[in-house]
Amino acid sequence: MALDVVHVELPAARQPVADNESHTRGYTPSKNGIQHAILSKKRSAVTEHSLADESCFSLGPFSNRASLIKAKAILLGKVRPVSVRAINQQAAAAYWVYLPPYASLAQAQGVARRLKKKGYLDYFIVAGNQNANAISLGLFKEQRGAERRLTRVKGLGFPARIATQYQTVTLYWLDYVQSSNVPLDSNKWRGVNGGAGELQILHRSCPVSAKSLS
């Protein structure tokens, strides 16, 4: 099934920040009052909102195109105009634990020796970029792992910090108009995994005219 996609670029999230605490990012609400789910590893499920006589809805988010196509096939024939909307957003990709840049390489090397004396060996001195003379203490995919490392290093007496690194991800939503005379069978959604956390059916403001993009 071919997918004609409308692309929407959301404002970029703030750039990674260096702080004494870790940072998490959700998703910024898009236009038309559509709320977006935070990426998670929860088992996919669909939450259905009450339907008006004729209302506009969005189903998503999908990061898995195969599931997107399957969900669109389920919707077609049950509701009128089904369009695919792609949204590019910033999502946390990794968490970097580090000691902020020192004034000189010699100073950073002195701190590294102190780390070694206290039994901490998993580090290296950063060179050649804007973080030159910082001391890297680990890069983690999971925030919890970074926070454990942060706690350990701070316990040794060093001012460790966490910076969140981001990447652009594309999520897809199915927008459609539905009449209460044609209720959707929730059993049809079993086994549909969007790949981006919990699937939701969200009520949205209807445009003046809904044109099919399929």
N, C-alpha and C. Protein backbone atom coordinates (compact mmCIF):
# COMPACT_ATOMS: atom_id res chain seq x y z
N MET A 1 0.85 -1.20 0.00
CA MET A 1 0.00 0.00 0.00
C MET A 1 0.88 1.24 0.00
N ALA A 2 0.67 2.10 -0.99
CA ALA A 2 1.47 3.33 -1.06
C ALA A 2 1.00 4.31 0.00
N LEU A 3 1.94 5.07 0.54
CA LEU A 3 1.62 6.05 1.58
C LEU A 3 2.02 7.43 1.10
N ASP A 4 1.02 8.32 0.97
CA ASP A 4 1.31 9.72 0.70
C ASP A 4 1.37 10.42 2.03
N VAL A 5 2.48 11.04 2.31
CA VAL A 5 2.74 11.56 3.65
C VAL A 5 2.85 13.07 3.64
N VAL A 6 2.16 13.70 4.58
CA VAL A 6 2.31 15.13 4.82
C VAL A 6 3.33 15.30 5.91
N HIS A 7 4.40 16.05 5.66
CA HIS A 7 5.46 16.23 6.64
C HIS A 7 5.26 17.51 7.42
N VAL A 8 5.45 17.41 8.72
CA VAL A 8 5.36 18.56 9.62
C VAL A 8 6.63 18.62 10.43
N GLU A 9 7.27 19.77 10.46
CA GLU A 9 8.51 19.94 11.23
C GLU A 9 8.18 20.70 12.50
N LEU A 10 8.37 20.04 13.65
CA LEU A 10 8.13 20.72 14.91
C LEU A 10 9.36 21.52 15.31
N PRO A 11 9.17 22.57 16.12
CA PRO A 11 10.34 23.32 16.61
C PRO A 11 11.29 22.39 17.33
N ALA A 12 12.57 22.60 17.12
CA ALA A 12 13.57 21.73 17.76
C ALA A 12 13.56 21.94 19.26
N ALA A 13 13.82 20.87 19.97
CA ALA A 13 13.96 20.97 21.42
C ALA A 13 15.23 21.73 21.73
N ARG A 14 15.37 22.14 22.99
CA ARG A 14 16.62 22.81 23.37
C ARG A 14 17.80 21.90 23.12
N GLN A 15 18.92 22.49 22.84
CA GLN A 15 20.13 21.70 22.64
C GLN A 15 20.52 21.04 23.95
N PRO A 16 21.31 19.95 23.87
CA PRO A 16 21.72 19.28 25.09
C PRO A 16 22.31 20.26 26.09
N VAL A 17 21.94 20.08 27.34
CA VAL A 17 22.43 20.98 28.37
C VAL A 17 23.27 20.22 29.37
N ALA A 18 24.22 20.91 29.92
CA ALA A 18 25.06 20.32 30.95
C ALA A 18 24.49 20.78 32.28
N ASP A 19 24.16 19.85 33.15
CA ASP A 19 23.51 20.20 34.39
C ASP A 19 23.92 19.20 35.45
N ASN A 20 23.56 19.51 36.67
CA ASN A 20 23.85 18.58 37.75
C ASN A 20 22.80 17.50 37.85
N GLU A 21 21.78 17.60 37.03
CA GLU A 21 20.75 16.59 37.03
C GLU A 21 20.56 16.10 35.61
N SER A 22 19.99 14.88 35.49
CA SER A 22 19.73 14.36 34.16
C SER A 22 18.48 15.04 33.61
N HIS A 23 18.32 14.93 32.28
CA HIS A 23 17.20 15.58 31.63
C HIS A 23 16.46 14.58 30.76
N THR A 24 15.16 14.68 30.73
CA THR A 24 14.36 13.86 29.84
C THR A 24 13.57 14.78 28.94
N ARG A 25 13.15 14.25 27.78
CA ARG A 25 12.37 15.03 26.85
C ARG A 25 11.15 14.24 26.41
N GLY A 26 10.02 14.92 26.36
CA GLY A 26 8.84 14.30 25.79
C GLY A 26 8.65 14.86 24.39
N TYR A 27 7.40 14.94 23.96
CA TYR A 27 7.13 15.48 22.66
C TYR A 27 6.27 16.71 22.79
N THR A 28 6.61 17.73 22.04
CA THR A 28 5.89 18.99 22.07
C THR A 28 4.56 18.82 21.37
N PRO A 29 3.47 19.33 21.95
CA PRO A 29 2.18 19.24 21.27
C PRO A 29 2.26 19.91 19.91
N SER A 30 1.64 19.29 18.91
CA SER A 30 1.67 19.87 17.58
C SER A 30 0.50 20.81 17.42
N LYS A 31 0.36 21.35 16.21
CA LYS A 31 -0.75 22.22 15.92
C LYS A 31 -2.05 21.42 15.89
N ASN A 32 -3.17 22.11 15.83
CA ASN A 32 -4.50 21.51 15.78
C ASN A 32 -4.85 20.79 17.06
N GLY A 33 -4.17 21.08 18.13
CA GLY A 33 -4.54 20.53 19.43
C GLY A 33 -4.26 19.06 19.59
N ILE A 34 -3.40 18.47 18.76
CA ILE A 34 -3.12 17.04 18.87
C ILE A 34 -1.98 16.84 19.85
N GLN A 35 -2.21 16.03 20.84
CA GLN A 35 -1.17 15.74 21.81
C GLN A 35 -0.36 14.56 21.34
N HIS A 36 0.91 14.53 21.75
CA HIS A 36 1.79 13.45 21.33
C HIS A 36 2.33 12.68 22.53
N ALA A 37 2.45 11.38 22.32
CA ALA A 37 2.89 10.51 23.41
C ALA A 37 4.38 10.61 23.60
N ILE A 38 4.83 10.42 24.84
CA ILE A 38 6.26 10.33 25.14
C ILE A 38 6.74 8.95 24.72
N LEU A 39 7.89 8.90 24.08
CA LEU A 39 8.46 7.61 23.71
C LEU A 39 8.69 6.77 24.96
N SER A 40 8.28 5.52 24.91
CA SER A 40 8.48 4.64 26.05
C SER A 40 8.60 3.23 25.54
N LYS A 41 8.86 2.32 26.45
CA LYS A 41 8.97 0.92 26.09
C LYS A 41 7.75 0.14 26.56
N LYS A 42 6.68 0.85 26.86
CA LYS A 42 5.47 0.19 27.31
C LYS A 42 4.89 -0.65 26.18
N ARG A 43 4.16 -1.69 26.56
CA ARG A 43 3.49 -2.52 25.59
C ARG A 43 2.44 -1.69 24.87
N SER A 44 2.36 -1.83 23.55
CA SER A 44 1.45 -1.01 22.79
C SER A 44 0.01 -1.34 23.15
N ALA A 45 -0.81 -0.31 23.24
CA ALA A 45 -2.23 -0.46 23.50
C ALA A 45 -2.91 0.74 22.90
N VAL A 46 -4.22 0.67 22.72
CA VAL A 46 -4.96 1.77 22.15
C VAL A 46 -5.97 2.28 23.14
N THR A 47 -5.96 3.58 23.38
CA THR A 47 -6.93 4.20 24.25
C THR A 47 -7.91 4.97 23.36
N GLU A 48 -9.20 4.62 23.40
CA GLU A 48 -10.17 5.25 22.54
C GLU A 48 -10.95 6.31 23.30
N HIS A 49 -11.13 7.46 22.67
CA HIS A 49 -11.90 8.53 23.26
C HIS A 49 -13.35 8.41 22.79
N SER A 50 -14.27 8.99 23.52
CA SER A 50 -15.67 8.95 23.13
C SER A 50 -15.85 9.65 21.79
N LEU A 51 -16.78 9.14 20.99
CA LEU A 51 -16.98 9.65 19.65
C LEU A 51 -18.20 10.54 19.58
N ALA A 52 -18.10 11.64 18.88
CA ALA A 52 -19.24 12.49 18.61
C ALA A 52 -19.92 11.94 17.36
N ASP A 53 -21.01 12.59 16.89
CA ASP A 53 -21.69 12.12 15.68
C ASP A 53 -20.72 12.05 14.51
N GLU A 54 -19.91 13.04 14.37
CA GLU A 54 -18.85 13.02 13.37
C GLU A 54 -17.69 13.81 13.93
N SER A 55 -16.58 13.15 14.13
CA SER A 55 -15.44 13.78 14.78
C SER A 55 -14.15 13.40 14.07
N CYS A 56 -13.14 14.21 14.30
CA CYS A 56 -11.82 13.95 13.71
C CYS A 56 -10.90 13.38 14.78
N PHE A 57 -10.10 12.39 14.37
CA PHE A 57 -9.22 11.71 15.30
C PHE A 57 -7.84 11.50 14.67
N SER A 58 -6.88 11.24 15.52
CA SER A 58 -5.54 10.86 15.09
C SER A 58 -5.14 9.59 15.83
N LEU A 59 -4.62 8.62 15.10
CA LEU A 59 -4.16 7.37 15.67
C LEU A 59 -2.64 7.31 15.55
N GLY A 60 -1.95 7.04 16.65
CA GLY A 60 -0.49 6.96 16.60
C GLY A 60 0.09 7.03 18.00
N PRO A 61 1.38 7.25 18.15
CA PRO A 61 2.34 7.46 17.05
C PRO A 61 2.90 6.14 16.54
N PHE A 62 3.32 6.13 15.27
CA PHE A 62 3.97 4.98 14.66
C PHE A 62 5.39 5.36 14.25
N SER A 63 6.32 4.50 14.58
CA SER A 63 7.67 4.63 14.03
C SER A 63 7.94 3.48 13.08
N ASN A 64 7.08 2.48 13.15
CA ASN A 64 7.20 1.27 12.33
C ASN A 64 6.26 1.40 11.13
N ARG A 65 6.80 1.51 9.94
CA ARG A 65 5.96 1.74 8.76
C ARG A 65 5.08 0.53 8.45
N ALA A 66 5.55 -0.67 8.76
CA ALA A 66 4.72 -1.86 8.51
C ALA A 66 3.45 -1.81 9.35
N SER A 67 3.58 -1.41 10.60
CA SER A 67 2.41 -1.29 11.46
C SER A 67 1.52 -0.14 11.01
N LEU A 68 2.13 0.93 10.52
CA LEU A 68 1.38 2.07 10.00
C LEU A 68 0.50 1.63 8.84
N ILE A 69 1.07 0.86 7.92
CA ILE A 69 0.32 0.38 6.76
C ILE A 69 -0.81 -0.55 7.21
N LYS A 70 -0.53 -1.41 8.18
CA LYS A 70 -1.56 -2.33 8.69
C LYS A 70 -2.70 -1.56 9.32
N ALA A 71 -2.37 -0.54 10.11
CA ALA A 71 -3.41 0.25 10.77
C ALA A 71 -4.23 1.03 9.75
N LYS A 72 -3.57 1.55 8.73
CA LYS A 72 -4.30 2.29 7.70
C LYS A 72 -5.26 1.37 6.96
N ALA A 73 -4.84 0.14 6.70
CA ALA A 73 -5.71 -0.82 6.02
C ALA A 73 -6.95 -1.12 6.86
N ILE A 74 -6.78 -1.16 8.18
CA ILE A 74 -7.91 -1.41 9.07
C ILE A 74 -8.89 -0.23 9.02
N LEU A 75 -8.35 0.97 8.98
CA LEU A 75 -9.20 2.16 8.98
C LEU A 75 -9.95 2.33 7.67
N LEU A 76 -9.29 2.04 6.56
CA LEU A 76 -9.92 2.22 5.25
C LEU A 76 -11.17 1.34 5.16
N GLY A 77 -12.24 1.90 4.72
CA GLY A 77 -13.49 1.16 4.63
C GLY A 77 -14.35 1.33 5.86
N LYS A 78 -13.75 1.76 6.95
CA LYS A 78 -14.49 1.99 8.19
C LYS A 78 -14.75 3.48 8.42
N VAL A 79 -13.83 4.31 7.94
CA VAL A 79 -13.96 5.75 8.13
C VAL A 79 -13.61 6.43 6.82
N ARG A 80 -13.99 7.70 6.71
CA ARG A 80 -13.62 8.42 5.50
C ARG A 80 -12.33 9.19 5.73
N PRO A 81 -11.87 9.99 4.79
CA PRO A 81 -10.46 10.33 4.59
C PRO A 81 -9.47 9.89 5.67
N VAL A 82 -8.55 9.04 5.26
CA VAL A 82 -7.46 8.61 6.13
C VAL A 82 -6.17 9.17 5.54
N SER A 83 -5.52 10.06 6.24
CA SER A 83 -4.28 10.65 5.75
C SER A 83 -3.14 10.35 6.71
N VAL A 84 -1.94 10.33 6.17
CA VAL A 84 -0.74 10.04 6.96
C VAL A 84 0.01 11.34 7.19
N ARG A 85 0.34 11.61 8.44
CA ARG A 85 1.06 12.83 8.80
C ARG A 85 2.37 12.43 9.48
N ALA A 86 3.48 12.94 8.97
CA ALA A 86 4.80 12.65 9.54
C ALA A 86 5.30 13.86 10.31
N ILE A 87 5.81 13.62 11.49
CA ILE A 87 6.31 14.71 12.34
C ILE A 87 7.75 14.40 12.74
N ASN A 88 8.65 15.33 12.44
CA ASN A 88 10.05 15.20 12.84
C ASN A 88 10.24 15.90 14.18
N GLN A 89 10.77 15.17 15.13
CA GLN A 89 10.95 15.70 16.48
C GLN A 89 12.28 15.26 17.05
N GLN A 90 12.70 15.99 18.08
CA GLN A 90 13.94 15.65 18.77
C GLN A 90 13.64 14.67 19.91
N ALA A 91 14.44 13.63 19.98
CA ALA A 91 14.28 12.63 21.04
C ALA A 91 15.64 12.33 21.67
N ALA A 92 15.62 12.03 22.95
CA ALA A 92 16.86 11.69 23.64
C ALA A 92 17.45 10.41 23.04
N ALA A 93 18.74 10.46 22.71
CA ALA A 93 19.41 9.31 22.11
C ALA A 93 20.43 8.69 23.06
N ALA A 94 21.05 9.52 23.90
CA ALA A 94 22.07 9.00 24.82
C ALA A 94 22.29 10.02 25.94
N TYR A 95 22.90 9.52 27.01
CA TYR A 95 23.18 10.35 28.18
C TYR A 95 24.67 10.27 28.49
N TRP A 96 25.32 11.42 28.47
CA TRP A 96 26.77 11.48 28.66
C TRP A 96 27.08 11.97 30.07
N VAL A 97 27.87 11.18 30.81
CA VAL A 97 28.32 11.56 32.14
C VAL A 97 29.76 12.06 32.00
N TYR A 98 30.05 13.20 32.59
CA TYR A 98 31.36 13.81 32.36
C TYR A 98 31.70 14.81 33.47
N LEU A 99 32.98 15.18 33.51
CA LEU A 99 33.45 16.30 34.32
C LEU A 99 33.69 17.46 33.37
N PRO A 100 33.20 18.65 33.68
CA PRO A 100 33.30 19.80 32.76
C PRO A 100 34.74 20.10 32.37
N PRO A 101 34.93 20.76 31.23
CA PRO A 101 36.29 21.06 30.74
C PRO A 101 37.12 21.83 31.77
N TYR A 102 38.38 21.44 31.88
CA TYR A 102 39.33 22.13 32.76
C TYR A 102 40.12 23.15 31.95
N ALA A 103 40.76 24.06 32.65
CA ALA A 103 41.46 25.16 31.99
C ALA A 103 42.61 24.70 31.12
N SER A 104 43.19 23.56 31.43
CA SER A 104 44.33 23.08 30.66
C SER A 104 44.36 21.56 30.67
N LEU A 105 45.10 20.99 29.74
CA LEU A 105 45.27 19.54 29.69
C LEU A 105 45.96 19.05 30.95
N ALA A 106 46.93 19.80 31.43
CA ALA A 106 47.66 19.40 32.63
C ALA A 106 46.72 19.30 33.83
N GLN A 107 45.79 20.23 33.92
CA GLN A 107 44.83 20.20 35.04
C GLN A 107 43.91 18.99 34.91
N ALA A 108 43.45 18.71 33.68
CA ALA A 108 42.59 17.55 33.46
C ALA A 108 43.33 16.26 33.78
N GLN A 109 44.60 16.18 33.42
CA GLN A 109 45.39 14.99 33.72
C GLN A 109 45.57 14.80 35.22
N GLY A 110 45.67 15.91 35.95
CA GLY A 110 45.79 15.82 37.40
C GLY A 110 44.52 15.26 38.01
N VAL A 111 43.36 15.68 37.52
CA VAL A 111 42.08 15.15 38.02
C VAL A 111 41.94 13.68 37.66
N ALA A 112 42.39 13.32 36.45
CA ALA A 112 42.34 11.92 36.03
C ALA A 112 43.16 11.05 36.96
N ARG A 113 44.31 11.54 37.39
CA ARG A 113 45.14 10.76 38.32
C ARG A 113 44.42 10.57 39.66
N ARG A 114 43.71 11.59 40.09
CA ARG A 114 42.94 11.48 41.34
C ARG A 114 41.83 10.46 41.21
N LEU A 115 41.17 10.44 40.04
CA LEU A 115 40.14 9.43 39.79
C LEU A 115 40.72 8.02 39.89
N LYS A 116 41.88 7.85 39.27
CA LYS A 116 42.53 6.54 39.26
C LYS A 116 42.90 6.10 40.66
N LYS A 117 43.39 7.02 41.47
CA LYS A 117 43.78 6.69 42.85
C LYS A 117 42.58 6.23 43.68
N LYS A 118 41.41 6.75 43.31
CA LYS A 118 40.20 6.37 44.05
C LYS A 118 39.51 5.15 43.45
N GLY A 119 40.18 4.53 42.49
CA GLY A 119 39.68 3.27 41.94
C GLY A 119 38.76 3.40 40.74
N TYR A 120 38.64 4.61 40.21
CA TYR A 120 37.77 4.80 39.04
C TYR A 120 38.64 4.84 37.78
N LEU A 121 38.43 3.86 36.89
CA LEU A 121 39.30 3.73 35.73
C LEU A 121 38.59 3.95 34.40
N ASP A 122 37.28 4.03 34.41
CA ASP A 122 36.51 4.14 33.17
C ASP A 122 36.35 5.61 32.78
N TYR A 123 37.39 6.19 32.23
CA TYR A 123 37.36 7.60 31.86
C TYR A 123 38.34 7.85 30.72
N PHE A 124 38.17 8.98 30.05
CA PHE A 124 39.20 9.47 29.14
C PHE A 124 39.07 10.98 29.03
N ILE A 125 40.17 11.63 28.69
CA ILE A 125 40.19 13.09 28.56
C ILE A 125 39.80 13.46 27.12
N VAL A 126 38.82 14.32 26.98
CA VAL A 126 38.33 14.72 25.66
C VAL A 126 39.31 15.70 25.03
N ALA A 127 39.54 15.54 23.73
CA ALA A 127 40.45 16.45 23.01
C ALA A 127 39.84 16.83 21.67
N GLY A 128 40.17 18.04 21.22
CA GLY A 128 39.87 18.41 19.85
C GLY A 128 38.47 18.89 19.55
N ASN A 129 37.65 19.23 20.52
CA ASN A 129 36.34 19.82 20.23
C ASN A 129 35.98 20.82 21.32
N GLN A 130 34.72 21.26 21.31
CA GLN A 130 34.32 22.29 22.27
C GLN A 130 34.38 21.80 23.71
N ASN A 131 34.49 20.50 23.90
CA ASN A 131 34.60 19.95 25.25
C ASN A 131 36.03 19.53 25.57
N ALA A 132 37.00 20.11 24.88
CA ALA A 132 38.40 19.77 25.13
C ALA A 132 38.75 19.95 26.60
N ASN A 133 39.47 18.95 27.14
CA ASN A 133 39.91 18.91 28.54
C ASN A 133 38.79 18.56 29.51
N ALA A 134 37.61 18.20 28.98
CA ALA A 134 36.61 17.58 29.85
C ALA A 134 37.02 16.13 30.06
N ILE A 135 36.47 15.51 31.07
CA ILE A 135 36.77 14.09 31.32
C ILE A 135 35.48 13.29 31.15
N SER A 136 35.48 12.42 30.15
CA SER A 136 34.32 11.59 29.87
C SER A 136 34.28 10.42 30.85
N LEU A 137 33.10 10.20 31.44
CA LEU A 137 32.95 9.16 32.45
C LEU A 137 32.00 8.05 32.00
N GLY A 138 31.46 8.16 30.79
CA GLY A 138 30.58 7.12 30.28
C GLY A 138 29.45 7.67 29.45
N LEU A 139 29.03 6.91 28.42
CA LEU A 139 27.91 7.26 27.57
C LEU A 139 26.88 6.15 27.66
N PHE A 140 25.63 6.50 27.96
CA PHE A 140 24.60 5.52 28.26
C PHE A 140 23.36 5.73 27.40
N LYS A 141 22.75 4.62 26.98
CA LYS A 141 21.48 4.70 26.26
C LYS A 141 20.32 4.91 27.21
N GLU A 142 20.46 4.39 28.42
CA GLU A 142 19.39 4.49 29.40
C GLU A 142 19.73 5.54 30.45
N GLN A 143 18.76 6.35 30.79
CA GLN A 143 18.98 7.42 31.77
C GLN A 143 19.36 6.86 33.14
N ARG A 144 18.75 5.73 33.51
CA ARG A 144 19.04 5.17 34.83
C ARG A 144 20.51 4.79 34.98
N GLY A 145 21.09 4.23 33.91
CA GLY A 145 22.50 3.88 33.97
C GLY A 145 23.38 5.11 34.15
N ALA A 146 23.03 6.19 33.46
CA ALA A 146 23.79 7.43 33.59
C ALA A 146 23.67 8.00 35.00
N GLU A 147 22.48 7.90 35.58
CA GLU A 147 22.28 8.43 36.92
C GLU A 147 23.05 7.63 37.97
N ARG A 148 23.15 6.31 37.75
CA ARG A 148 23.95 5.50 38.67
C ARG A 148 25.42 5.90 38.60
N ARG A 149 25.91 6.12 37.37
CA ARG A 149 27.31 6.54 37.21
C ARG A 149 27.53 7.91 37.85
N LEU A 150 26.58 8.81 37.65
CA LEU A 150 26.68 10.14 38.23
C LEU A 150 26.79 10.06 39.75
N THR A 151 25.94 9.25 40.36
CA THR A 151 25.95 9.10 41.82
C THR A 151 27.27 8.53 42.30
N ARG A 152 27.79 7.55 41.57
CA ARG A 152 29.06 6.93 41.97
C ARG A 152 30.20 7.94 41.95
N VAL A 153 30.31 8.71 40.86
CA VAL A 153 31.43 9.64 40.73
C VAL A 153 31.30 10.80 41.71
N LYS A 154 30.08 11.28 41.91
CA LYS A 154 29.88 12.34 42.90
C LYS A 154 30.24 11.85 44.29
N GLY A 155 30.00 10.57 44.56
CA GLY A 155 30.35 9.99 45.85
C GLY A 155 31.85 9.95 46.08
N LEU A 156 32.61 10.01 45.00
CA LEU A 156 34.07 10.05 45.11
C LEU A 156 34.58 11.48 45.28
N GLY A 157 33.66 12.44 45.22
CA GLY A 157 34.04 13.83 45.44
C GLY A 157 34.29 14.64 44.18
N PHE A 158 33.78 14.19 43.03
CA PHE A 158 33.99 14.91 41.78
C PHE A 158 32.67 15.49 41.26
N PRO A 159 32.70 16.70 40.67
CA PRO A 159 31.48 17.38 40.24
C PRO A 159 30.96 16.87 38.88
N ALA A 160 30.56 15.62 38.85
CA ALA A 160 30.09 15.03 37.59
C ALA A 160 28.75 15.65 37.16
N ARG A 161 28.52 15.63 35.86
CA ARG A 161 27.28 16.14 35.29
C ARG A 161 26.76 15.17 34.22
N ILE A 162 25.52 15.38 33.82
CA ILE A 162 24.92 14.60 32.72
C ILE A 162 24.48 15.56 31.63
N ALA A 163 24.80 15.23 30.39
CA ALA A 163 24.30 15.98 29.24
C ALA A 163 23.51 15.01 28.36
N THR A 164 22.34 15.41 27.93
CA THR A 164 21.51 14.58 27.07
C THR A 164 21.82 14.87 25.61
N GLN A 165 22.07 13.82 24.85
CA GLN A 165 22.32 13.97 23.42
C GLN A 165 21.05 13.59 22.66
N TYR A 166 20.76 14.34 21.60
CA TYR A 166 19.49 14.18 20.89
C TYR A 166 19.70 13.73 19.45
N GLN A 167 18.64 13.14 18.91
CA GLN A 167 18.61 12.82 17.49
C GLN A 167 17.19 13.11 16.97
N THR A 168 17.10 13.35 15.67
CA THR A 168 15.79 13.60 15.07
C THR A 168 15.13 12.28 14.72
N VAL A 169 13.89 12.10 15.15
CA VAL A 169 13.12 10.90 14.83
C VAL A 169 11.86 11.32 14.09
N THR A 170 11.37 10.45 13.23
CA THR A 170 10.13 10.69 12.49
C THR A 170 9.05 9.78 13.02
N LEU A 171 7.95 10.37 13.45
CA LEU A 171 6.79 9.62 13.91
C LEU A 171 5.62 9.89 12.96
N TYR A 172 4.76 8.88 12.81
CA TYR A 172 3.64 8.99 11.89
C TYR A 172 2.31 8.89 12.65
N TRP A 173 1.36 9.69 12.19
CA TRP A 173 0.00 9.66 12.73
C TRP A 173 -0.98 9.47 11.58
N LEU A 174 -2.06 8.73 11.84
CA LEU A 174 -3.14 8.56 10.89
C LEU A 174 -4.28 9.49 11.30
N ASP A 175 -4.61 10.43 10.45
CA ASP A 175 -5.71 11.37 10.71
C ASP A 175 -6.94 10.92 9.95
N TYR A 176 -8.10 10.92 10.60
CA TYR A 176 -9.31 10.46 9.94
C TYR A 176 -10.55 11.10 10.57
N VAL A 177 -11.66 11.01 9.84
CA VAL A 177 -12.95 11.50 10.31
C VAL A 177 -13.85 10.29 10.49
N GLN A 178 -14.56 10.23 11.62
CA GLN A 178 -15.36 9.05 11.92
C GLN A 178 -16.76 9.45 12.38
N SER A 179 -17.72 8.66 11.95
CA SER A 179 -19.10 8.84 12.38
C SER A 179 -19.40 7.82 13.46
N SER A 180 -20.21 8.22 14.44
CA SER A 180 -20.57 7.29 15.52
C SER A 180 -21.42 6.14 15.01
N ASN A 181 -21.95 6.28 13.78
CA ASN A 181 -22.75 5.20 13.19
C ASN A 181 -21.87 4.07 12.68
N VAL A 182 -20.55 4.30 12.64
CA VAL A 182 -19.63 3.28 12.16
C VAL A 182 -18.55 3.07 13.22
N PRO A 183 -18.89 2.45 14.36
CA PRO A 183 -17.91 2.27 15.43
C PRO A 183 -16.79 1.32 15.01
N LEU A 184 -15.60 1.57 15.50
CA LEU A 184 -14.47 0.71 15.20
C LEU A 184 -14.41 -0.45 16.19
N ASP A 185 -14.08 -1.62 15.69
CA ASP A 185 -13.93 -2.80 16.54
C ASP A 185 -12.54 -2.77 17.17
N SER A 186 -12.49 -2.57 18.49
CA SER A 186 -11.19 -2.45 19.16
C SER A 186 -10.34 -3.71 19.03
N ASN A 187 -10.99 -4.88 18.78
CA ASN A 187 -10.22 -6.11 18.63
C ASN A 187 -9.31 -6.07 17.41
N LYS A 188 -9.64 -5.20 16.45
CA LYS A 188 -8.82 -5.12 15.25
C LYS A 188 -7.44 -4.55 15.54
N TRP A 189 -7.30 -3.87 16.68
CA TRP A 189 -6.02 -3.24 16.98
C TRP A 189 -5.07 -4.19 17.71
N ARG A 190 -5.56 -5.36 18.08
CA ARG A 190 -4.68 -6.30 18.77
C ARG A 190 -3.55 -6.72 17.85
N GLY A 191 -2.34 -6.68 18.38
CA GLY A 191 -1.18 -7.07 17.59
C GLY A 191 -0.58 -5.96 16.76
N VAL A 192 -1.22 -4.78 16.77
CA VAL A 192 -0.66 -3.64 16.05
C VAL A 192 0.26 -2.89 17.00
N ASN A 193 1.54 -2.94 16.72
CA ASN A 193 2.54 -2.28 17.57
C ASN A 193 3.15 -1.14 16.78
N GLY A 194 2.93 0.07 17.28
CA GLY A 194 3.43 1.23 16.55
C GLY A 194 4.93 1.39 16.58
N GLY A 195 5.58 0.74 17.55
CA GLY A 195 7.03 0.81 17.64
C GLY A 195 7.55 2.04 18.36
N ALA A 196 6.63 2.91 18.82
CA ALA A 196 7.06 4.14 19.48
C ALA A 196 6.34 4.32 20.80
N GLY A 197 6.01 3.21 21.44
CA GLY A 197 5.33 3.31 22.72
C GLY A 197 3.85 3.02 22.59
N GLU A 198 3.06 3.60 23.46
CA GLU A 198 1.64 3.32 23.52
C GLU A 198 0.88 4.03 22.39
N LEU A 199 0.09 3.24 21.67
CA LEU A 199 -0.75 3.83 20.63
C LEU A 199 -1.92 4.55 21.29
N GLN A 200 -2.30 5.67 20.70
CA GLN A 200 -3.42 6.44 21.22
C GLN A 200 -4.34 6.87 20.09
N ILE A 201 -5.63 6.96 20.41
CA ILE A 201 -6.58 7.60 19.51
C ILE A 201 -6.95 8.92 20.16
N LEU A 202 -6.57 10.01 19.52
CA LEU A 202 -6.73 11.34 20.11
C LEU A 202 -7.72 12.17 19.30
N HIS A 203 -8.62 12.82 20.01
CA HIS A 203 -9.57 13.72 19.36
C HIS A 203 -8.83 14.99 18.93
N ARG A 204 -9.16 15.49 17.75
CA ARG A 204 -8.53 16.71 17.26
C ARG A 204 -9.58 17.59 16.60
N SER A 205 -9.23 18.84 16.37
CA SER A 205 -10.12 19.77 15.69
C SER A 205 -10.22 19.39 14.22
N CYS A 206 -11.43 19.37 13.70
CA CYS A 206 -11.61 19.01 12.30
C CYS A 206 -11.26 20.20 11.40
N PRO A 207 -10.55 19.95 10.31
CA PRO A 207 -10.28 21.03 9.35
C PRO A 207 -11.56 21.40 8.62
N VAL A 208 -11.53 22.50 7.90
CA VAL A 208 -12.72 22.94 7.16
C VAL A 208 -13.12 21.87 6.15
N SER A 209 -12.14 21.28 5.48
CA SER A 209 -12.43 20.18 4.56
C SER A 209 -11.37 19.11 4.75
N ALA A 210 -11.79 17.87 4.85
CA ALA A 210 -10.86 16.74 5.03
C ALA A 210 -10.66 16.06 3.70
N LYS A 211 -9.48 16.18 3.14
CA LYS A 211 -9.19 15.57 1.84
C LYS A 211 -8.33 14.33 2.03
N SER A 212 -8.68 13.27 1.36
CA SER A 212 -7.93 12.03 1.46
C SER A 212 -6.58 12.17 0.80
N LEU A 213 -5.55 11.62 1.49
CA LEU A 213 -4.20 11.61 0.92
C LEU A 213 -3.81 10.21 0.48
N SER A 214 -4.75 9.28 0.53
CA SER A 214 -4.43 7.90 0.19
C SER A 214 -4.48 7.69 -1.31
